[in-house]
Amino acid sequence: RTKKPILHVYARVSSAVQQSKGSSIDDQIAAGKAYAKANGFKAQVWNEAVASAAKFSGKDEYEISIEKLDNRPVMMRLLEDVKLGLVSDLYVYNIDRLARNEDASYLIRSILHKKEVRVHTDGKGVTEFTSPQDRLMFSLLQSMAAYDNAIRKERSRVGKLSAVKDNKW
């Protein structure tokens, strides 16, 4: 009997509210395991839990900073395994689970590309970094995620300013 290849399933949410009130992490992991089973893989789960570009500054306010991978220890360990050649197939529910920040996206994409890791997603199939078309689509999807994130931040900021102007908190 041959040993099944491993599909590394990476899951994360961006906020504690999503973690406590939603089922997104559980849904992402379940989808990854189902994908692995349907495609002949053994699943290894990498659960980042809550990791975001927003971090508490200790001054009763949130400071939006460039998403640094040192805020994401599970991703750091996963990338170390990628660098060691221990990961050939990675599953994420959606590309934006890897990163929604251009700098972090570039770093992750560069490492995955260099090691020719195949990235699997539900409904979008497999990205093979040996293909110029796949590299382009992956870059476009990550750029769109970064754009969407920036737009949501701007809308949130405008909404908060409007509420303060209306003497609301």
N, C-alpha and C. Protein backbone atom coordinates (compact mmCIF):
# COMPACT_ATOMS: atom_id res chain seq x y z
N ARG A 1 0.86 -1.19 0.00
CA ARG A 1 0.00 0.00 0.00
C ARG A 1 0.89 1.24 0.00
N THR A 2 0.62 2.15 -0.93
CA THR A 2 1.45 3.36 -1.02
C THR A 2 0.97 4.41 -0.03
N LYS A 3 1.92 5.19 0.41
CA LYS A 3 1.63 6.25 1.37
C LYS A 3 0.96 7.42 0.65
N LYS A 4 -0.11 7.96 1.24
CA LYS A 4 -0.81 9.09 0.65
C LYS A 4 0.03 10.35 0.78
N PRO A 5 0.02 11.19 -0.25
CA PRO A 5 0.71 12.48 -0.12
C PRO A 5 -0.04 13.35 0.89
N ILE A 6 0.66 14.32 1.44
CA ILE A 6 0.07 15.19 2.47
C ILE A 6 -0.39 16.50 1.85
N LEU A 7 -1.61 16.88 2.19
CA LEU A 7 -2.14 18.20 1.84
C LEU A 7 -2.11 19.02 3.13
N HIS A 8 -1.31 20.07 3.12
CA HIS A 8 -1.19 20.95 4.28
C HIS A 8 -2.34 21.95 4.23
N VAL A 9 -3.22 21.89 5.21
CA VAL A 9 -4.43 22.72 5.26
C VAL A 9 -4.18 23.89 6.20
N TYR A 10 -4.12 25.11 5.64
CA TYR A 10 -3.87 26.31 6.44
C TYR A 10 -5.18 27.07 6.63
N ALA A 11 -5.51 27.42 7.89
CA ALA A 11 -6.74 28.14 8.19
C ALA A 11 -6.45 29.28 9.16
N ARG A 12 -7.14 30.41 8.94
CA ARG A 12 -7.05 31.54 9.87
C ARG A 12 -8.25 32.44 9.69
N VAL A 13 -8.54 33.21 10.73
CA VAL A 13 -9.52 34.29 10.65
C VAL A 13 -8.80 35.56 11.08
N SER A 14 -9.42 36.70 10.78
CA SER A 14 -8.76 37.99 11.00
C SER A 14 -9.13 38.66 12.31
N SER A 15 -10.16 38.17 13.00
CA SER A 15 -10.56 38.86 14.23
C SER A 15 -11.07 37.88 15.27
N ALA A 16 -10.98 38.28 16.52
CA ALA A 16 -11.48 37.46 17.62
C ALA A 16 -12.99 37.27 17.51
N VAL A 17 -13.69 38.27 16.99
CA VAL A 17 -15.15 38.15 16.81
C VAL A 17 -15.45 37.01 15.83
N GLN A 18 -14.70 36.96 14.74
CA GLN A 18 -14.91 35.87 13.77
C GLN A 18 -14.65 34.52 14.42
N GLN A 19 -13.64 34.48 15.29
CA GLN A 19 -13.30 33.21 15.93
C GLN A 19 -14.37 32.79 16.93
N SER A 20 -14.84 33.73 17.75
CA SER A 20 -15.78 33.37 18.82
C SER A 20 -17.22 33.23 18.34
N LYS A 21 -17.65 34.06 17.39
CA LYS A 21 -19.05 34.05 16.97
C LYS A 21 -19.29 33.32 15.66
N GLY A 22 -18.23 33.11 14.91
CA GLY A 22 -18.40 32.46 13.62
C GLY A 22 -17.92 31.03 13.66
N SER A 23 -18.02 30.38 12.56
CA SER A 23 -17.52 29.01 12.46
C SER A 23 -16.50 28.93 11.34
N SER A 24 -15.95 30.06 10.97
CA SER A 24 -15.08 30.13 9.82
C SER A 24 -13.87 29.20 9.92
N ILE A 25 -13.19 29.17 11.06
CA ILE A 25 -12.02 28.28 11.20
C ILE A 25 -12.46 26.83 11.03
N ASP A 26 -13.51 26.44 11.75
CA ASP A 26 -14.00 25.07 11.64
C ASP A 26 -14.42 24.75 10.20
N ASP A 27 -15.08 25.71 9.55
CA ASP A 27 -15.51 25.51 8.16
C ASP A 27 -14.31 25.36 7.23
N GLN A 28 -13.29 26.20 7.42
CA GLN A 28 -12.10 26.12 6.58
C GLN A 28 -11.40 24.77 6.74
N ILE A 29 -11.27 24.33 7.99
CA ILE A 29 -10.60 23.04 8.26
C ILE A 29 -11.42 21.88 7.69
N ALA A 30 -12.73 21.91 7.90
CA ALA A 30 -13.59 20.85 7.37
C ALA A 30 -13.52 20.80 5.85
N ALA A 31 -13.53 21.96 5.21
CA ALA A 31 -13.43 22.01 3.74
C ALA A 31 -12.09 21.46 3.27
N GLY A 32 -11.03 21.82 3.98
CA GLY A 32 -9.69 21.32 3.63
C GLY A 32 -9.58 19.81 3.77
N LYS A 33 -10.15 19.28 4.85
CA LYS A 33 -10.11 17.83 5.05
C LYS A 33 -10.95 17.11 4.00
N ALA A 34 -12.09 17.67 3.66
CA ALA A 34 -12.94 17.07 2.63
C ALA A 34 -12.23 17.10 1.28
N TYR A 35 -11.57 18.22 0.98
CA TYR A 35 -10.82 18.34 -0.28
C TYR A 35 -9.71 17.29 -0.31
N ALA A 36 -9.00 17.16 0.81
CA ALA A 36 -7.91 16.19 0.89
C ALA A 36 -8.43 14.78 0.62
N LYS A 37 -9.51 14.42 1.29
CA LYS A 37 -10.08 13.08 1.13
C LYS A 37 -10.52 12.84 -0.31
N ALA A 38 -11.20 13.83 -0.89
CA ALA A 38 -11.71 13.69 -2.26
C ALA A 38 -10.59 13.59 -3.30
N ASN A 39 -9.41 14.09 -2.94
CA ASN A 39 -8.31 14.12 -3.91
C ASN A 39 -7.15 13.20 -3.54
N GLY A 40 -7.39 12.27 -2.62
CA GLY A 40 -6.39 11.25 -2.31
C GLY A 40 -5.24 11.70 -1.43
N PHE A 41 -5.46 12.74 -0.63
CA PHE A 41 -4.42 13.24 0.27
C PHE A 41 -4.73 12.86 1.71
N LYS A 42 -3.69 12.86 2.52
CA LYS A 42 -3.83 12.84 3.97
C LYS A 42 -3.73 14.32 4.38
N ALA A 43 -4.61 14.79 5.27
CA ALA A 43 -4.62 16.20 5.66
C ALA A 43 -3.76 16.45 6.90
N GLN A 44 -2.97 17.50 6.84
CA GLN A 44 -2.26 18.01 8.01
C GLN A 44 -2.72 19.44 8.21
N VAL A 45 -3.34 19.73 9.35
CA VAL A 45 -3.94 21.04 9.60
C VAL A 45 -2.96 21.98 10.27
N TRP A 46 -2.92 23.21 9.76
CA TRP A 46 -2.16 24.31 10.33
C TRP A 46 -3.18 25.37 10.71
N ASN A 47 -3.55 25.44 11.99
CA ASN A 47 -4.60 26.34 12.45
C ASN A 47 -3.98 27.58 13.07
N GLU A 48 -4.03 28.68 12.34
CA GLU A 48 -3.48 29.95 12.83
C GLU A 48 -4.41 30.62 13.83
N ALA A 49 -5.68 30.25 13.82
CA ALA A 49 -6.71 30.88 14.67
C ALA A 49 -6.85 32.34 14.25
N VAL A 50 -6.59 33.27 15.16
CA VAL A 50 -6.78 34.69 14.86
C VAL A 50 -5.43 35.32 14.53
N ALA A 51 -5.32 35.89 13.33
CA ALA A 51 -4.11 36.60 12.93
C ALA A 51 -4.53 37.68 11.95
N SER A 52 -4.15 38.91 12.24
CA SER A 52 -4.62 40.03 11.42
C SER A 52 -3.57 41.12 11.33
N ALA A 53 -3.81 42.06 10.41
CA ALA A 53 -2.96 43.23 10.29
C ALA A 53 -3.28 44.24 11.38
N ALA A 54 -4.44 44.10 12.02
CA ALA A 54 -4.82 45.01 13.11
C ALA A 54 -4.28 44.44 14.40
N LYS A 55 -3.59 45.27 15.16
CA LYS A 55 -3.10 44.78 16.45
C LYS A 55 -3.36 45.83 17.51
N PHE A 56 -3.64 45.35 18.70
CA PHE A 56 -3.98 46.24 19.80
C PHE A 56 -2.73 46.98 20.25
N SER A 57 -2.80 48.30 20.35
CA SER A 57 -1.63 49.09 20.69
C SER A 57 -1.47 49.30 22.19
N GLY A 58 -2.47 48.93 22.98
CA GLY A 58 -2.40 49.14 24.42
C GLY A 58 -2.89 50.51 24.82
N LYS A 59 -3.36 51.30 23.89
CA LYS A 59 -3.84 52.65 24.16
C LYS A 59 -5.33 52.76 23.90
N ASP A 60 -6.04 51.66 24.11
CA ASP A 60 -7.48 51.61 23.87
C ASP A 60 -7.85 51.97 22.43
N GLU A 61 -6.98 51.66 21.51
CA GLU A 61 -7.29 51.89 20.10
C GLU A 61 -6.57 50.83 19.28
N TYR A 62 -7.09 50.58 18.12
CA TYR A 62 -6.43 49.63 17.23
C TYR A 62 -5.52 50.38 16.29
N GLU A 63 -4.35 49.84 16.14
CA GLU A 63 -3.38 50.43 15.24
C GLU A 63 -3.26 49.49 14.04
N ILE A 64 -3.54 50.00 12.89
CA ILE A 64 -3.42 49.19 11.69
C ILE A 64 -1.96 49.28 11.24
N SER A 65 -1.33 48.14 11.13
CA SER A 65 0.07 48.11 10.75
C SER A 65 0.24 47.18 9.56
N ILE A 66 1.39 47.25 8.95
CA ILE A 66 1.68 46.32 7.87
C ILE A 66 1.70 44.92 8.48
N GLU A 67 0.98 44.02 7.84
CA GLU A 67 0.90 42.67 8.36
C GLU A 67 2.29 42.05 8.30
N LYS A 68 2.80 41.71 9.44
CA LYS A 68 4.11 41.09 9.52
C LYS A 68 3.91 39.62 9.81
N LEU A 69 4.71 38.82 9.20
CA LEU A 69 4.55 37.38 9.40
C LEU A 69 4.96 36.96 10.80
N ASP A 70 5.70 37.81 11.53
CA ASP A 70 6.03 37.43 12.90
C ASP A 70 4.80 37.49 13.80
N ASN A 71 3.71 38.10 13.32
CA ASN A 71 2.42 38.07 14.03
C ASN A 71 1.68 36.76 13.75
N ARG A 72 2.26 35.94 12.88
CA ARG A 72 1.60 34.71 12.44
C ARG A 72 2.55 33.52 12.60
N PRO A 73 2.71 33.05 13.83
CA PRO A 73 3.69 31.98 14.08
C PRO A 73 3.41 30.68 13.34
N VAL A 74 2.14 30.35 13.13
CA VAL A 74 1.83 29.11 12.41
C VAL A 74 2.27 29.24 10.95
N MET A 75 2.01 30.39 10.33
CA MET A 75 2.46 30.62 8.95
C MET A 75 3.99 30.57 8.88
N MET A 76 4.65 31.13 9.87
CA MET A 76 6.13 31.10 9.89
C MET A 76 6.63 29.66 9.93
N ARG A 77 6.03 28.82 10.76
CA ARG A 77 6.46 27.41 10.84
C ARG A 77 6.15 26.68 9.53
N LEU A 78 4.99 26.97 8.96
CA LEU A 78 4.61 26.36 7.68
C LEU A 78 5.62 26.75 6.59
N LEU A 79 5.98 28.03 6.53
CA LEU A 79 6.95 28.48 5.52
C LEU A 79 8.33 27.86 5.75
N GLU A 80 8.69 27.63 7.00
CA GLU A 80 9.96 26.95 7.28
C GLU A 80 9.93 25.53 6.71
N ASP A 81 8.79 24.84 6.89
CA ASP A 81 8.65 23.50 6.32
C ASP A 81 8.68 23.55 4.80
N VAL A 82 8.10 24.59 4.21
CA VAL A 82 8.16 24.76 2.76
C VAL A 82 9.62 24.90 2.33
N LYS A 83 10.35 25.76 3.02
CA LYS A 83 11.76 25.99 2.67
C LYS A 83 12.59 24.71 2.78
N LEU A 84 12.22 23.84 3.74
CA LEU A 84 12.93 22.57 3.92
C LEU A 84 12.50 21.51 2.91
N GLY A 85 11.52 21.85 2.07
CA GLY A 85 11.05 20.91 1.06
C GLY A 85 10.07 19.87 1.59
N LEU A 86 9.47 20.16 2.76
CA LEU A 86 8.54 19.21 3.39
C LEU A 86 7.10 19.41 2.95
N VAL A 87 6.84 20.46 2.19
CA VAL A 87 5.48 20.78 1.74
C VAL A 87 5.46 20.87 0.22
N SER A 88 4.62 20.05 -0.40
CA SER A 88 4.48 20.15 -1.86
C SER A 88 3.07 20.60 -2.24
N ASP A 89 2.10 20.40 -1.33
CA ASP A 89 0.72 20.76 -1.61
C ASP A 89 0.13 21.49 -0.41
N LEU A 90 -0.43 22.67 -0.68
CA LEU A 90 -1.00 23.52 0.37
C LEU A 90 -2.43 23.85 0.00
N TYR A 91 -3.34 23.70 0.97
CA TYR A 91 -4.74 24.06 0.76
C TYR A 91 -5.08 25.28 1.60
N VAL A 92 -5.75 26.23 0.97
CA VAL A 92 -6.37 27.36 1.68
C VAL A 92 -7.77 27.50 1.12
N TYR A 93 -8.72 27.78 1.99
CA TYR A 93 -10.10 27.92 1.55
C TYR A 93 -10.22 28.98 0.47
N ASN A 94 -9.50 30.08 0.68
CA ASN A 94 -9.47 31.17 -0.28
C ASN A 94 -8.07 31.77 -0.23
N ILE A 95 -7.59 32.29 -1.33
CA ILE A 95 -6.24 32.86 -1.40
C ILE A 95 -6.04 33.93 -0.34
N ASP A 96 -7.08 34.68 0.01
CA ASP A 96 -6.90 35.76 0.99
C ASP A 96 -6.60 35.23 2.40
N ARG A 97 -6.74 33.93 2.63
CA ARG A 97 -6.36 33.36 3.93
C ARG A 97 -4.84 33.35 4.08
N LEU A 98 -4.12 33.36 2.97
CA LEU A 98 -2.66 33.45 3.05
C LEU A 98 -2.24 34.85 3.48
N ALA A 99 -2.79 35.87 2.84
CA ALA A 99 -2.46 37.25 3.19
C ALA A 99 -3.35 38.19 2.40
N ARG A 100 -3.63 39.35 3.02
CA ARG A 100 -4.36 40.41 2.32
C ARG A 100 -3.53 41.69 2.34
N ASN A 101 -2.26 41.53 2.47
CA ASN A 101 -1.32 42.64 2.49
C ASN A 101 -0.28 42.37 1.41
N GLU A 102 0.04 43.38 0.62
CA GLU A 102 0.92 43.17 -0.53
C GLU A 102 2.30 42.67 -0.14
N ASP A 103 2.87 43.20 0.93
CA ASP A 103 4.21 42.78 1.34
C ASP A 103 4.22 41.32 1.79
N ALA A 104 3.27 40.96 2.65
CA ALA A 104 3.19 39.58 3.13
C ALA A 104 2.87 38.65 1.96
N SER A 105 1.97 39.07 1.08
CA SER A 105 1.61 38.26 -0.09
C SER A 105 2.82 37.97 -0.95
N TYR A 106 3.62 39.01 -1.19
CA TYR A 106 4.81 38.83 -2.03
C TYR A 106 5.77 37.83 -1.41
N LEU A 107 6.01 37.96 -0.11
CA LEU A 107 6.93 37.06 0.57
C LEU A 107 6.43 35.62 0.50
N ILE A 108 5.18 35.40 0.83
CA ILE A 108 4.61 34.05 0.80
C ILE A 108 4.64 33.49 -0.61
N ARG A 109 4.20 34.29 -1.58
CA ARG A 109 4.18 33.85 -2.98
C ARG A 109 5.58 33.50 -3.46
N SER A 110 6.57 34.29 -3.08
CA SER A 110 7.95 34.04 -3.50
C SER A 110 8.46 32.70 -2.98
N ILE A 111 8.19 32.41 -1.72
CA ILE A 111 8.64 31.15 -1.13
C ILE A 111 7.92 29.97 -1.77
N LEU A 112 6.60 30.08 -1.93
CA LEU A 112 5.83 29.00 -2.56
C LEU A 112 6.29 28.76 -3.99
N HIS A 113 6.55 29.84 -4.72
CA HIS A 113 7.01 29.74 -6.11
C HIS A 113 8.38 29.06 -6.17
N LYS A 114 9.30 29.53 -5.35
CA LYS A 114 10.67 28.98 -5.36
C LYS A 114 10.67 27.48 -5.11
N LYS A 115 9.80 27.04 -4.20
CA LYS A 115 9.76 25.62 -3.85
C LYS A 115 8.71 24.84 -4.65
N GLU A 116 8.06 25.53 -5.62
CA GLU A 116 7.08 24.91 -6.52
C GLU A 116 5.96 24.18 -5.77
N VAL A 117 5.46 24.83 -4.72
CA VAL A 117 4.35 24.29 -3.95
C VAL A 117 3.06 24.50 -4.75
N ARG A 118 2.26 23.48 -4.83
CA ARG A 118 0.96 23.58 -5.49
C ARG A 118 -0.04 24.08 -4.45
N VAL A 119 -0.77 25.15 -4.79
CA VAL A 119 -1.76 25.73 -3.88
C VAL A 119 -3.14 25.32 -4.36
N HIS A 120 -3.88 24.66 -3.46
CA HIS A 120 -5.22 24.15 -3.76
C HIS A 120 -6.25 25.04 -3.07
N THR A 121 -7.32 25.37 -3.78
CA THR A 121 -8.43 26.13 -3.19
C THR A 121 -9.75 25.54 -3.69
N ASP A 122 -10.78 25.68 -2.88
CA ASP A 122 -12.10 25.23 -3.30
C ASP A 122 -12.58 26.06 -4.48
N GLY A 123 -13.04 25.41 -5.49
CA GLY A 123 -13.64 26.09 -6.62
C GLY A 123 -12.67 26.75 -7.59
N LYS A 124 -11.42 26.90 -7.18
CA LYS A 124 -10.46 27.56 -8.07
C LYS A 124 -9.37 26.59 -8.54
N GLY A 125 -9.44 25.37 -8.05
CA GLY A 125 -8.50 24.36 -8.51
C GLY A 125 -7.12 24.49 -7.90
N VAL A 126 -6.13 24.17 -8.71
CA VAL A 126 -4.74 24.10 -8.24
C VAL A 126 -3.90 25.15 -8.95
N THR A 127 -3.12 25.89 -8.17
CA THR A 127 -2.16 26.84 -8.73
C THR A 127 -0.81 26.15 -8.74
N GLU A 128 -0.21 26.05 -9.92
CA GLU A 128 1.12 25.48 -10.06
C GLU A 128 2.05 26.61 -10.46
N PHE A 129 3.02 26.90 -9.63
CA PHE A 129 3.89 28.04 -9.89
C PHE A 129 4.86 27.83 -11.04
N THR A 130 4.83 26.65 -11.64
CA THR A 130 5.64 26.42 -12.84
C THR A 130 4.96 27.01 -14.07
N SER A 131 3.68 27.36 -13.95
CA SER A 131 2.91 27.91 -15.06
C SER A 131 2.86 29.44 -14.96
N PRO A 132 3.25 30.15 -16.04
CA PRO A 132 3.16 31.62 -16.01
C PRO A 132 1.73 32.10 -15.80
N GLN A 133 0.75 31.39 -16.37
CA GLN A 133 -0.64 31.77 -16.21
C GLN A 133 -1.09 31.64 -14.75
N ASP A 134 -0.68 30.55 -14.10
CA ASP A 134 -1.04 30.35 -12.69
C ASP A 134 -0.39 31.41 -11.80
N ARG A 135 0.87 31.74 -12.09
CA ARG A 135 1.55 32.78 -11.30
C ARG A 135 0.82 34.11 -11.46
N LEU A 136 0.40 34.44 -12.68
CA LEU A 136 -0.32 35.68 -12.93
C LEU A 136 -1.66 35.68 -12.18
N MET A 137 -2.44 34.61 -12.29
CA MET A 137 -3.74 34.55 -11.62
C MET A 137 -3.58 34.63 -10.10
N PHE A 138 -2.59 33.94 -9.56
CA PHE A 138 -2.34 33.97 -8.12
C PHE A 138 -2.02 35.40 -7.68
N SER A 139 -1.16 36.08 -8.43
CA SER A 139 -0.80 37.47 -8.12
C SER A 139 -2.02 38.38 -8.20
N LEU A 140 -2.84 38.20 -9.23
CA LEU A 140 -4.05 39.02 -9.37
C LEU A 140 -5.02 38.80 -8.22
N LEU A 141 -5.23 37.54 -7.84
CA LEU A 141 -6.15 37.24 -6.74
C LEU A 141 -5.64 37.83 -5.43
N GLN A 142 -4.34 37.74 -5.19
CA GLN A 142 -3.80 38.32 -3.96
C GLN A 142 -3.86 39.84 -4.01
N SER A 143 -3.63 40.43 -5.16
CA SER A 143 -3.75 41.89 -5.29
C SER A 143 -5.18 42.35 -5.05
N MET A 144 -6.15 41.59 -5.56
CA MET A 144 -7.55 41.92 -5.32
C MET A 144 -7.90 41.82 -3.84
N ALA A 145 -7.35 40.82 -3.14
CA ALA A 145 -7.60 40.68 -1.70
C ALA A 145 -7.01 41.87 -0.95
N ALA A 146 -5.81 42.32 -1.35
CA ALA A 146 -5.19 43.48 -0.70
C ALA A 146 -6.01 44.74 -0.97
N TYR A 147 -6.50 44.89 -2.20
CA TYR A 147 -7.34 46.02 -2.56
C TYR A 147 -8.63 46.03 -1.74
N ASP A 148 -9.29 44.88 -1.67
CA ASP A 148 -10.54 44.76 -0.91
C ASP A 148 -10.31 45.11 0.55
N ASN A 149 -9.21 44.65 1.11
CA ASN A 149 -8.88 44.94 2.50
C ASN A 149 -8.68 46.44 2.71
N ALA A 150 -7.98 47.09 1.79
CA ALA A 150 -7.74 48.54 1.90
C ALA A 150 -9.05 49.32 1.81
N ILE A 151 -9.94 48.90 0.92
CA ILE A 151 -11.24 49.58 0.78
C ILE A 151 -12.07 49.42 2.04
N ARG A 152 -12.07 48.21 2.63
CA ARG A 152 -12.83 48.00 3.87
C ARG A 152 -12.28 48.85 5.01
N LYS A 153 -10.96 48.97 5.10
CA LYS A 153 -10.34 49.81 6.14
C LYS A 153 -10.77 51.26 5.97
N GLU A 154 -10.77 51.74 4.73
CA GLU A 154 -11.16 53.13 4.46
C GLU A 154 -12.62 53.36 4.81
N ARG A 155 -13.49 52.44 4.43
CA ARG A 155 -14.91 52.57 4.76
C ARG A 155 -15.13 52.57 6.28
N SER A 156 -14.41 51.73 6.97
CA SER A 156 -14.53 51.67 8.42
C SER A 156 -14.08 52.99 9.05
N ARG A 157 -12.98 53.54 8.56
CA ARG A 157 -12.45 54.80 9.08
C ARG A 157 -13.45 55.93 8.84
N VAL A 158 -14.01 56.00 7.64
CA VAL A 158 -14.99 57.03 7.30
C VAL A 158 -16.24 56.88 8.17
N GLY A 159 -16.69 55.67 8.38
CA GLY A 159 -17.87 55.43 9.22
C GLY A 159 -17.64 55.85 10.66
N LYS A 160 -16.46 55.58 11.18
CA LYS A 160 -16.14 55.98 12.55
C LYS A 160 -16.07 57.50 12.68
N LEU A 161 -15.47 58.16 11.71
CA LEU A 161 -15.40 59.63 11.73
C LEU A 161 -16.80 60.23 11.67
N SER A 162 -17.65 59.66 10.84
CA SER A 162 -19.02 60.15 10.72
C SER A 162 -19.76 60.00 12.04
N ALA A 163 -19.58 58.89 12.71
CA ALA A 163 -20.25 58.65 13.99
C ALA A 163 -19.77 59.64 15.04
N VAL A 164 -18.48 59.94 15.07
CA VAL A 164 -17.95 60.91 16.03
C VAL A 164 -18.52 62.30 15.75
N LYS A 165 -18.62 62.65 14.48
CA LYS A 165 -19.20 63.95 14.13
C LYS A 165 -20.65 64.06 14.57
N ASP A 166 -21.35 62.93 14.64
CA ASP A 166 -22.75 62.90 15.09
C ASP A 166 -22.86 62.66 16.60
N ASN A 167 -21.74 62.87 17.30
CA ASN A 167 -21.67 62.69 18.76
C ASN A 167 -22.03 61.27 19.20
N LYS A 168 -21.65 60.29 18.40
CA LYS A 168 -21.86 58.89 18.74
C LYS A 168 -20.50 58.24 18.95
N TRP A 169 -20.54 57.17 19.66
CA TRP A 169 -19.29 56.43 19.86
C TRP A 169 -19.51 55.00 19.52
